[in-house]
C-alpha atoms as a PDB file:
ATOM      1  CA  MET A   1       7.444  -0.199  -5.621  1.00  0.00           C
ATOM      2  CA  LYS A   2       9.336  -1.210  -8.720  1.00  0.00           C
ATOM      3  CA  GLU A   3       8.590  -4.600 -10.381  1.00  0.00           C
ATOM      4  CA  VAL A   4      12.082  -5.874  -9.624  1.00  0.00           C
ATOM      5  CA  ASP A   5      11.462  -5.288  -5.929  1.00  0.00           C
ATOM      6  CA  VAL A   6       8.118  -6.962  -6.063  1.00  0.00           C
ATOM      7  CA  VAL A   7       9.614 -10.011  -7.745  1.00  0.00           C
ATOM      8  CA  ARG A   8      12.467 -10.129  -5.187  1.00  0.00           C
ATOM      9  CA  SER A   9       9.974  -9.945  -2.229  1.00  0.00           C
ATOM     10  CA  LEU A  10       7.590 -12.562  -3.746  1.00  0.00           C
ATOM     11  CA  ALA A  11      10.562 -14.851  -4.556  1.00  0.00           C
ATOM     12  CA  ALA A  12      11.762 -14.564  -0.956  1.00  0.00           C
ATOM     13  CA  LEU A  13       8.309 -15.480   0.362  1.00  0.00           C
ATOM     14  CA  ALA A  14       7.969 -18.441  -2.017  1.00  0.00           C
ATOM     15  CA  GLN A  15       9.766 -20.784   0.320  1.00  0.00           C
ATOM     16  CA  GLU A  16       8.098 -22.418   3.327  1.00  0.00           C
ATOM     17  CA  VAL A  17      10.675 -21.570   5.992  1.00  0.00           C
ATOM     18  CA  ARG A  18      11.054 -17.920   4.868  1.00  0.00           C
ATOM     19  CA  LEU A  19       7.269 -17.473   4.840  1.00  0.00           C
ATOM     20  CA  ARG A  20       7.057 -18.864   8.339  1.00  0.00           C
ATOM     21  CA  VAL A  21       9.877 -16.588   9.530  1.00  0.00           C
ATOM     22  CA  PHE A  22       8.345 -13.526   7.995  1.00  0.00           C
ATOM     23  CA  ARG A  23       4.930 -14.315   9.537  1.00  0.00           C
ATOM     24  CA  ALA A  24       6.504 -14.838  12.977  1.00  0.00           C
ATOM     25  CA  LEU A  25       8.249 -11.476  12.677  1.00  0.00           C
ATOM     26  CA  VAL A  26       5.040  -9.748  11.657  1.00  0.00           C
ATOM     27  CA  VAL A  27       3.375 -11.248  14.746  1.00  0.00           C
ATOM     28  CA  ALA A  28       6.278 -10.064  16.888  1.00  0.00           C
ATOM     29  CA  GLY A  29       5.757  -6.457  15.733  1.00  0.00           C
ATOM     30  CA  ASN A  30       8.381  -3.731  16.335  1.00  0.00           C
ATOM     31  CA  ASP A  31      10.028  -5.723  19.214  1.00  0.00           C
ATOM     32  CA  GLY A  32      11.345  -8.238  16.718  1.00  0.00           C
ATOM     33  CA  LEU A  33      13.005 -11.496  17.551  1.00  0.00           C
ATOM     34  CA  THR A  34      16.395 -12.916  17.910  1.00  0.00           C
ATOM     35  CA  PRO A  35      17.546 -15.839  15.746  1.00  0.00           C
ATOM     36  CA  GLY A  36      17.554 -18.138  18.776  1.00  0.00           C
ATOM     37  CA  ILE A  37      13.956 -17.428  19.557  1.00  0.00           C
ATOM     38  CA  LEU A  38      12.939 -17.797  15.947  1.00  0.00           C
ATOM     39  CA  ALA A  39      14.850 -21.108  15.689  1.00  0.00           C
ATOM     40  CA  ASP A  40      13.025 -22.438  18.791  1.00  0.00           C
ATOM     41  CA  GLN A  41       9.628 -21.157  17.767  1.00  0.00           C
ATOM     42  CA  LEU A  42       9.819 -22.438  14.271  1.00  0.00           C
ATOM     43  CA  GLU A  43      11.860 -25.606  15.043  1.00  0.00           C
ATOM     44  CA  VAL A  44      14.489 -24.716  12.422  1.00  0.00           C
ATOM     45  CA  ALA A  45      18.184 -25.445  12.687  1.00  0.00           C
ATOM     46  CA  PRO A  46      20.214 -22.274  13.448  1.00  0.00           C
ATOM     47  CA  ASN A  47      22.447 -22.610  10.368  1.00  0.00           C
ATOM     48  CA  THR A  48      19.382 -23.148   8.095  1.00  0.00           C
ATOM     49  CA  LEU A  49      17.633 -20.230   9.661  1.00  0.00           C
ATOM     50  CA  SER A  50      20.639 -18.020   9.103  1.00  0.00           C
ATOM     51  CA  PHE A  51      20.498 -18.718   5.382  1.00  0.00           C
ATOM     52  CA  HIS A  52      16.865 -17.823   5.216  1.00  0.00           C
ATOM     53  CA  LEU A  53      17.183 -14.608   7.320  1.00  0.00           C
ATOM     54  CA  LYS A  54      19.922 -13.427   4.889  1.00  0.00           C
ATOM     55  CA  GLU A  55      17.581 -13.920   1.988  1.00  0.00           C
ATOM     56  CA  LEU A  56      14.752 -12.105   3.713  1.00  0.00           C
ATOM     57  CA  VAL A  57      17.064  -9.147   4.614  1.00  0.00           C
ATOM     58  CA  HIS A  58      18.264  -8.973   0.942  1.00  0.00           C
ATOM     59  CA  SER A  59      14.650  -8.816  -0.187  1.00  0.00           C
ATOM     60  CA  GLY A  60      13.952  -5.857   2.106  1.00  0.00           C
ATOM     61  CA  LEU A  61      11.088  -7.624   3.847  1.00  0.00           C
ATOM     62  CA  ILE A  62      12.946  -7.815   7.156  1.00  0.00           C
ATOM     63  CA  SER A  63      15.659  -5.767   8.867  1.00  0.00           C
ATOM     64  CA  GLN A  64      18.533  -6.694  11.166  1.00  0.00           C
ATOM     65  CA  GLU A  65      19.771  -4.635  14.087  1.00  0.00           C
ATOM     66  CA  ARG A  66      22.565  -5.388  16.498  1.00  0.00           C
ATOM     67  CA  GLN A  67      21.711  -4.730  20.166  1.00  0.00           C
ATOM     68  CA  GLY A  68      24.780  -5.542  22.187  1.00  0.00           C
ATOM     69  CA  ARG A  69      25.658  -9.181  21.572  1.00  0.00           C
ATOM     70  CA  ASN A  70      22.265 -10.007  19.992  1.00  0.00           C
ATOM     71  CA  LEU A  71      20.872  -9.602  16.537  1.00  0.00           C
ATOM     72  CA  ILE A  72      17.253  -8.426  16.335  1.00  0.00           C
ATOM     73  CA  TYR A  73      15.203  -9.188  13.292  1.00  0.00           C
ATOM     74  CA  ARG A  74      12.072  -7.206  12.450  1.00  0.00           C
ATOM     75  CA  ALA A  75       9.547  -7.322   9.694  1.00  0.00           C
ATOM     76  CA  SER A  76       9.719  -4.217   7.482  1.00  0.00           C
ATOM     77  CA  PHE A  77       6.112  -3.093   7.604  1.00  0.00           C
ATOM     78  CA  ALA A  78       6.743  -0.304   5.119  1.00  0.00           C
ATOM     79  CA  THR A  79       8.017  -2.832   2.554  1.00  0.00           C
ATOM     80  CA  MET A  80       5.168  -5.187   3.360  1.00  0.00           C
ATOM     81  CA  ASN A  81       2.553  -2.446   2.895  1.00  0.00           C
ATOM     82  CA  GLU A  82       4.192  -1.328  -0.400  1.00  0.00           C
ATOM     83  CA  LEU A  83       3.973  -4.918  -1.680  1.00  0.00           C
ATOM     84  CA  LEU A  84       0.389  -5.223  -0.625  1.00  0.00           C
ATOM     85  CA  SER A  85      -0.495  -1.917  -2.237  1.00  0.00           C
ATOM     86  CA  TYR A  86       1.316  -2.955  -5.484  1.00  0.00           C
ATOM     87  CA  LEU A  87      -0.632  -6.216  -5.584  1.00  0.00           C
ATOM     88  CA  THR A  88      -4.019  -4.581  -4.924  1.00  0.00           C
ATOM     89  CA  GLU A  89      -3.690  -1.180  -6.719  1.00  0.00           C
ATOM     90  CA  ASN A  90      -5.746  -2.223  -9.793  1.00  0.00           C
ATOM     91  CA  CYS A  91      -8.143  -4.703  -8.202  1.00  0.00           C
ATOM     92  CA  CYS A  92     -11.774  -4.439  -9.109  1.00  0.00           C
ATOM     93  CA  GLN A  93     -10.979  -2.513 -12.253  1.00  0.00           C
ATOM     94  CA  GLY A  94      -9.556   0.338 -10.301  1.00  0.00           C
ATOM     95  CA  ALA A  95     -12.580   0.775  -7.949  1.00  0.00           C
ATOM     96  CA  ALA A  96     -11.931   1.002  -4.253  1.00  0.00           C
ATOM     97  CA  CYS A  97     -13.169  -2.394  -3.167  1.00  0.00           C
ATOM     98  CA  LEU A  98     -10.880  -2.844  -0.143  1.00  0.00           C
ATOM     99  CA  SER A  99     -10.807  -0.689   2.954  1.00  0.00           C
ATOM    100  CA  PRO A 100      -7.411   1.051   3.544  1.00  0.00           C
ATOM    101  CA  ALA A 101      -6.995  -1.175   6.599  1.00  0.00           C
ATOM    102  CA  ALA A 102      -7.014  -4.275   4.338  1.00  0.00           C
ATOM    103  CA  THR A 103      -3.880  -3.148   2.527  1.00  0.00           C
ATOM    104  CA  ALA A 104      -1.885  -1.486   5.326  1.00  0.00           C
ATOM    105  CA  CYS A 105      -0.429  -2.158   8.824  1.00  0.00           C
ATOM    106  CA  ASP A 106       0.068   0.598  11.309  1.00  0.00           C
ATOM    107  CA  CYS A 107       2.856  -1.237  13.131  1.00  0.00           C
ATOM    108  CA  GLN A 108       5.621   1.063  11.703  1.00  0.00           C
ATOM    109  CA  PRO A 109       7.964   2.511  14.379  1.00  0.00           C
END
């Protein structure tokens, strides 16, 4: 992962609503969530949520898919894992101090 992508991802997560949205989508897994369900779950106004979803899509941390009349948002587990790997690749002076499970998620489709 390039530094510019890391900075973009971390900047996107450095806002309370976006962090809550991302975490909700991680919990939802590959099924994802619609904006309506996210707005209800997180008690966020739809227009505010729309702005934050756009920022998360731009960062690559989430994806958007149209299914009929609905938009489905999903966490990008590949991007999340790349970010975690980047942040931990040199921990403990390069020694393997974390198990592989601590830096990866197997939820990818």
